[in-house]
Amino acid sequence: MKRSLFTIIALAVFFGTIYSNYKRQTPKSELDYDSFGQIPVVLNGRVQPLDSVARNTLLAINGKSTATYQDGSRHQPIEWLAEVLFQPQLAVDRPVFRIHDDGLRAILPHKEPDQSGSMIKRMLLGSGSSHHYYSLNEIRTVYDKIRQDAVEASEIEGQLRNRYQNAVVNLANNVIRFYNLTRTVHHGESPSFIEELTALQTIIPAAIEETEKQQRGEDFDSSKLSPMLSFMQVYRTFESESLFFTHPRPHVDGEQTWLKMSSALDEITRDGKPSEVTLHYATLVDAYRQGDAETFNAALPKLHEAIESIDPEATSKATAERLFNYLSPFYVSIIGYVIVFLLAVFSWPFGSQALNRAAYWTTVAVFVFHTIGMGFRVYIIDYAPVINLYSSAIYVGWGATLLALIIEKLFKNGIGSFVASVIGIASLIVAHHLIDGKDTLEQMKAVLDSNFWLTVHVLTVTFGYAATFFAGFFAIFYVIAGITTKLIDKKVAKMLSSVVFGIVCFSTLFSFFGTVTGGIWADQSWGRFWGWDPKENGAILLVLWNVIILHARWGGFARTRGIMAMAIFGNVVTSWSWMGTNMLGIGLHSYGFMNSAFQYLAGFWVLQLFFIALAYLPQSRWKSPVNG
């Protein structure tokens, strides 16, 4: 029990973090927001729960997954979305539009920084950024200029726009997105959705009868037609503005289609009665507006049942994705990797096997949770785990942790756990910054839809990235620990050298196999095996660099420190092949063009060069007795 005490405490902290994070996602309200957030809709070409619509939209316009209202109260995204959908007249006063650009804020109403709270806190942390958040009503006062500037900026190629032009285009897009949400479930031109449906059903029979007379060429009463035509006009305007699809349609020839609310309402003018889904949505809208939690909560299971009877897979995936959102597996895994990092670091000065063991078993627990997160993504998107740049970062961290667990199991010295924690934290933070307000479950390229060779290519070449990074970070550990501590004795140096060599062999195999399978896929899809595309060049560059390291070792051209320096330079090659080629914005293979992170990539390269320079410091500068 005593030797496992640290392990028990570390695992308790990690699992406690999972539980605490999950509970934090549940809004405290009489309204059943958990069930409301599970309602499936179709947006961006995929089924997703309302909870994901709320999170992704709020992240895009607010930069955070919670909304802070004008009274300082903080709300979960699904609470904010419910208000936007059902009571937009309140939502337009919520300061949720984040505007950091000084030029853009200069044309908006002036806001003073928040002066409430402790003076000491303001002196230490500043006045915060609350004055950077605006409501739609505040933006409306200058929206004509914003729209005009956005139209002019949108005619400029994205890479040539200045900061103001990018900010004004983003703001205009976010305002349109917000407005479209307010017009998605109900147009808001009548106070009661239920009464509107009742009125519609009352006038429809007479209107249909008069329409049939008109079609037969008989005399008809146009006054009985005009009310129905008014409704149709509203619904068809509503169609172009609504954001997502709410109504699944019965399968036709194996194809599942969805309708927008406006189309479902328009169908009433032909069928004479609303669908079950429409009726339950109307009940939700009216109950929310009246603050009737009992009716709201009672309508939710009926709406779920009505949708499930038509598209059971959609409800299953939406439920899974809502659970995935609540678990936040990759955010929680970052915390887990930080725990592993601390345990591994403190295990060395104290020579504690108990801390070392705790680091290993916590790494196992975090790896399992990381894997569960990837499993959720595979189930939700029904595809391999790598579909875009974000998911590749998740996969790289997962692959490196898998390798680290194997190494730690073999050598039991804490180094594998330490390297796993560093790569895990780094890769998941990179993934977090790649979200940039986008739906991370949306596929970037149609070519990723289904192809065996492409799936094998993406998974193997990305695992090659993970392995090369793993070797590079092991080499960095060798340099840093060798210069600053006496930890790298002859035995540890031999072990690190063997691990780096073995992992480079492993990386060469995966990189080569991934490059070849990519060529097979390209031959099948585009009719040529190789086209000197930047992504292809990056892949072969990685293979060649790993082969050079192996030849340097076999031919005796580089000894231990030289091999370590070359492995660190492998981080530069891999980051270019993985991220850099995407920043060029050209080529058919790139699966996530991006140009906003070049300074971070350049900083990473400079850091690697610094580590390489450290590797060649004279031996007298090293505390550890390294040779070679």
Foldseek 3Di string as FASTA:
>chain_A
DVLQVLLVVLVCVLVVLLVVLLVVQADPDLARLLLQQLAWWDFLHAIAGVLLVQQLLLCLFQVHQWFQFPVRDIGGSSVLLLCLAQPVVVSQAGQRGFADDPVVVVVFPFDDQDPDDDPVCCVVPNSDRPRRTGGNVRCVVPVVVLVVLQVVLVVDPPVPDDPVNVRSVSVVVSSLVSQQSNLFLHNPPDLALVVVQVVQLVLQVLLVVQVVCVVVVHDGDVVSNVVLVVLLVVLVVSQVRHGIFRAWDADDPNDIDTHTNSVQVNCCSVVSHGDQLSVLSSQLSNCVVVVPSVSNNVSSVSNLVSRCVRPVLSSVLNSLVSSLVSSVLLVSLLVLLVSLQVLLVVCPVVVRLSSLVSSLVSLVVSLVSLVVSLVSLCSNLVAHQDQFLLSLLSLLLSLLSVLLSVLCVVPVNSLSSNLSSVSSNVSSVVSVVLCNSHDPSNGQDPVRVDDVLLSLLSNLLSSLLSLLVNLLSLLLCCLVCQLPHQPDEPVNLVSNLVSSLVSLVVSLVSLVSSLQSCLVVCCVVVVGSDDVFLLSVLSVQLNVLSVVLNCCVVVVVDDSLRSNLSSLVSNLSSCCNSPVSLQVVDGDPHRYRDNPCVVVSVVSNVVSVVSNVSSPDPCVSTPHNDDD
